[in-house]
């Protein structure tokens, strides 16, 4: 009987954890994306420093259509 209670408690805890994770991701999605794009900008700047890339902002041929 005790083994069954431990099993049910584990499943319940996993469901609560999954629900909490989904709630937090939905709530803070804007901040998550802002952090990810900021990190991508920093990584791009670092790579540009290593490769000596001189991309001009007005030249449309410098951009790739992803």
N, C-alpha and C. Protein backbone atom coordinates (compact mmCIF):
# COMPACT_ATOMS: atom_id res chain seq x y z
N UNK A 1 0.82 -1.19 0.00
CA UNK A 1 0.00 0.00 0.00
C UNK A 1 0.87 1.27 0.00
N UNK A 2 1.95 1.22 0.79
CA UNK A 2 2.83 2.38 0.86
C UNK A 2 3.49 2.65 -0.49
N UNK A 3 3.82 1.60 -1.21
CA UNK A 3 4.44 1.75 -2.51
C UNK A 3 3.49 2.45 -3.48
N UNK A 4 2.20 2.14 -3.39
CA UNK A 4 1.20 2.77 -4.25
C UNK A 4 1.07 4.26 -3.93
N UNK A 5 1.13 4.61 -2.64
CA UNK A 5 1.04 6.02 -2.26
C UNK A 5 2.26 6.80 -2.75
N UNK A 6 3.43 6.19 -2.66
CA UNK A 6 4.64 6.85 -3.17
C UNK A 6 4.54 7.06 -4.68
N UNK A 7 4.02 6.07 -5.38
CA UNK A 7 3.86 6.16 -6.83
C UNK A 7 2.88 7.27 -7.19
N UNK A 8 1.74 7.34 -6.49
CA UNK A 8 0.74 8.39 -6.76
C UNK A 8 1.29 9.76 -6.40
N UNK A 9 2.05 9.85 -5.30
CA UNK A 9 2.64 11.12 -4.91
C UNK A 9 3.64 11.59 -5.97
N UNK A 10 4.42 10.68 -6.50
CA UNK A 10 5.37 11.03 -7.55
C UNK A 10 4.69 11.53 -8.81
N UNK A 11 3.61 10.86 -9.19
CA UNK A 11 2.86 11.31 -10.38
C UNK A 11 2.22 12.67 -10.12
N UNK A 12 1.66 12.86 -8.95
CA UNK A 12 1.05 14.15 -8.60
C UNK A 12 2.07 15.27 -8.60
N UNK A 13 3.24 15.01 -8.03
CA UNK A 13 4.29 16.03 -8.00
C UNK A 13 4.75 16.37 -9.41
N UNK A 14 4.84 15.36 -10.28
CA UNK A 14 5.25 15.61 -11.66
C UNK A 14 4.21 16.46 -12.40
N UNK A 15 2.94 16.20 -12.15
CA UNK A 15 1.88 16.98 -12.79
C UNK A 15 1.92 18.43 -12.30
N UNK A 16 2.11 18.62 -11.00
CA UNK A 16 2.19 19.99 -10.46
C UNK A 16 3.41 20.71 -11.03
N UNK A 17 4.53 20.02 -11.11
CA UNK A 17 5.74 20.62 -11.66
C UNK A 17 5.56 21.00 -13.12
N UNK A 18 4.93 20.14 -13.89
CA UNK A 18 4.67 20.43 -15.30
C UNK A 18 3.74 21.63 -15.44
N UNK A 19 2.69 21.67 -14.63
CA UNK A 19 1.76 22.82 -14.67
C UNK A 19 2.43 24.12 -14.29
N UNK A 20 3.27 24.07 -13.27
CA UNK A 20 3.99 25.27 -12.84
C UNK A 20 4.95 25.74 -13.93
N UNK A 21 5.63 24.80 -14.56
CA UNK A 21 6.55 25.16 -15.64
C UNK A 21 5.82 25.81 -16.80
N UNK A 22 4.70 25.24 -17.20
CA UNK A 22 3.91 25.81 -18.29
C UNK A 22 3.42 27.20 -17.92
N UNK A 23 2.94 27.38 -16.70
CA UNK A 23 2.46 28.69 -16.24
C UNK A 23 3.58 29.73 -16.29
N UNK A 24 4.76 29.37 -15.80
CA UNK A 24 5.86 30.33 -15.77
C UNK A 24 6.35 30.67 -17.17
N UNK A 25 6.40 29.70 -18.06
CA UNK A 25 6.83 29.98 -19.43
C UNK A 25 5.83 30.91 -20.12
N UNK A 26 4.54 30.66 -19.94
CA UNK A 26 3.52 31.53 -20.56
C UNK A 26 3.59 32.92 -19.96
N UNK A 27 3.77 33.01 -18.65
CA UNK A 27 3.79 34.31 -17.97
C UNK A 27 5.00 35.15 -18.36
N UNK A 28 6.17 34.53 -18.44
CA UNK A 28 7.40 35.27 -18.66
C UNK A 28 7.96 35.08 -20.06
N UNK A 29 7.12 34.76 -21.04
CA UNK A 29 7.59 34.50 -22.40
C UNK A 29 8.31 35.70 -22.99
N UNK A 30 7.79 36.91 -22.77
CA UNK A 30 8.44 38.11 -23.31
C UNK A 30 9.85 38.28 -22.75
N UNK A 31 10.02 38.04 -21.46
CA UNK A 31 11.34 38.17 -20.86
C UNK A 31 12.27 37.07 -21.33
N UNK A 32 11.76 35.88 -21.55
CA UNK A 32 12.57 34.78 -22.06
C UNK A 32 13.09 35.12 -23.46
N UNK A 33 12.20 35.62 -24.32
CA UNK A 33 12.62 35.99 -25.67
C UNK A 33 13.59 37.16 -25.67
N UNK A 34 13.36 38.13 -24.78
CA UNK A 34 14.26 39.28 -24.70
C UNK A 34 15.66 38.83 -24.29
N UNK A 35 15.74 37.92 -23.34
CA UNK A 35 17.04 37.42 -22.91
C UNK A 35 17.73 36.63 -24.00
N UNK A 36 16.94 35.83 -24.73
CA UNK A 36 17.53 35.02 -25.81
C UNK A 36 18.04 35.91 -26.94
N UNK A 37 17.28 36.92 -27.32
CA UNK A 37 17.73 37.79 -28.41
C UNK A 37 18.90 38.66 -27.97
N UNK A 38 18.92 39.05 -26.70
CA UNK A 38 20.07 39.82 -26.21
C UNK A 38 21.32 38.94 -26.24
N UNK A 39 21.17 37.69 -25.85
CA UNK A 39 22.30 36.77 -25.91
C UNK A 39 22.78 36.55 -27.32
N UNK A 40 21.84 36.48 -28.26
CA UNK A 40 22.22 36.31 -29.67
C UNK A 40 22.95 37.53 -30.18
N UNK A 41 22.53 38.72 -29.77
CA UNK A 41 23.22 39.94 -30.20
C UNK A 41 24.64 39.98 -29.64
N UNK A 42 24.79 39.58 -28.39
CA UNK A 42 26.13 39.57 -27.79
C UNK A 42 27.02 38.56 -28.52
N UNK A 43 26.48 37.38 -28.79
CA UNK A 43 27.26 36.37 -29.50
C UNK A 43 27.64 36.84 -30.89
N UNK A 44 26.72 37.52 -31.57
CA UNK A 44 27.01 38.05 -32.90
C UNK A 44 28.11 39.09 -32.84
N UNK A 45 28.05 39.97 -31.85
CA UNK A 45 29.09 40.99 -31.72
C UNK A 45 30.45 40.37 -31.43
N UNK A 46 30.48 39.33 -30.59
CA UNK A 46 31.75 38.67 -30.29
C UNK A 46 32.30 37.98 -31.54
N UNK A 47 31.44 37.29 -32.28
CA UNK A 47 31.90 36.64 -33.51
C UNK A 47 32.36 37.64 -34.54
N UNK A 48 31.68 38.77 -34.62
CA UNK A 48 32.10 39.81 -35.56
C UNK A 48 33.48 40.36 -35.18
N UNK A 49 33.77 40.44 -33.89
CA UNK A 49 35.09 40.91 -33.46
C UNK A 49 36.18 39.91 -33.86
N UNK A 50 35.89 38.62 -33.76
CA UNK A 50 36.88 37.60 -34.11
C UNK A 50 37.09 37.51 -35.61
N UNK A 51 36.04 37.72 -36.39
CA UNK A 51 36.14 37.55 -37.84
C UNK A 51 36.40 38.85 -38.57
N UNK A 52 36.45 39.97 -37.84
CA UNK A 52 36.63 41.30 -38.44
C UNK A 52 35.57 41.58 -39.49
N UNK A 53 34.35 41.20 -39.20
CA UNK A 53 33.24 41.40 -40.13
C UNK A 53 32.83 42.87 -40.10
N UNK A 54 32.71 43.47 -41.26
CA UNK A 54 32.32 44.88 -41.36
C UNK A 54 31.03 44.97 -42.16
N UNK A 55 29.94 44.63 -41.55
CA UNK A 55 28.64 44.68 -42.21
C UNK A 55 28.08 46.07 -42.04
N UNK A 56 27.65 46.67 -43.14
CA UNK A 56 27.01 47.97 -43.05
C UNK A 56 25.50 47.78 -42.93
N UNK A 57 24.89 48.64 -42.16
CA UNK A 57 23.47 48.47 -41.86
C UNK A 57 22.59 48.81 -43.06
N UNK A 58 23.09 49.57 -44.02
CA UNK A 58 22.26 50.01 -45.14
C UNK A 58 22.35 49.08 -46.35
N UNK A 59 23.24 48.13 -46.33
CA UNK A 59 23.42 47.25 -47.48
C UNK A 59 22.54 46.01 -47.31
N UNK A 60 21.48 45.88 -48.11
CA UNK A 60 20.58 44.72 -47.93
C UNK A 60 21.21 43.40 -48.32
N UNK A 61 22.31 43.41 -49.05
CA UNK A 61 22.96 42.15 -49.41
C UNK A 61 23.70 41.54 -48.22
N UNK A 62 23.86 42.30 -47.13
CA UNK A 62 24.53 41.78 -45.94
C UNK A 62 23.61 40.92 -45.08
N UNK A 63 22.34 40.91 -45.41
CA UNK A 63 21.38 40.16 -44.59
C UNK A 63 20.95 38.90 -45.32
N UNK A 64 20.69 37.88 -44.56
CA UNK A 64 20.24 36.60 -45.11
C UNK A 64 18.78 36.41 -44.75
N UNK A 65 18.03 35.89 -45.69
CA UNK A 65 16.63 35.60 -45.44
C UNK A 65 16.53 34.22 -44.83
N UNK A 66 16.34 34.19 -43.52
CA UNK A 66 16.26 32.91 -42.83
C UNK A 66 14.85 32.48 -42.85
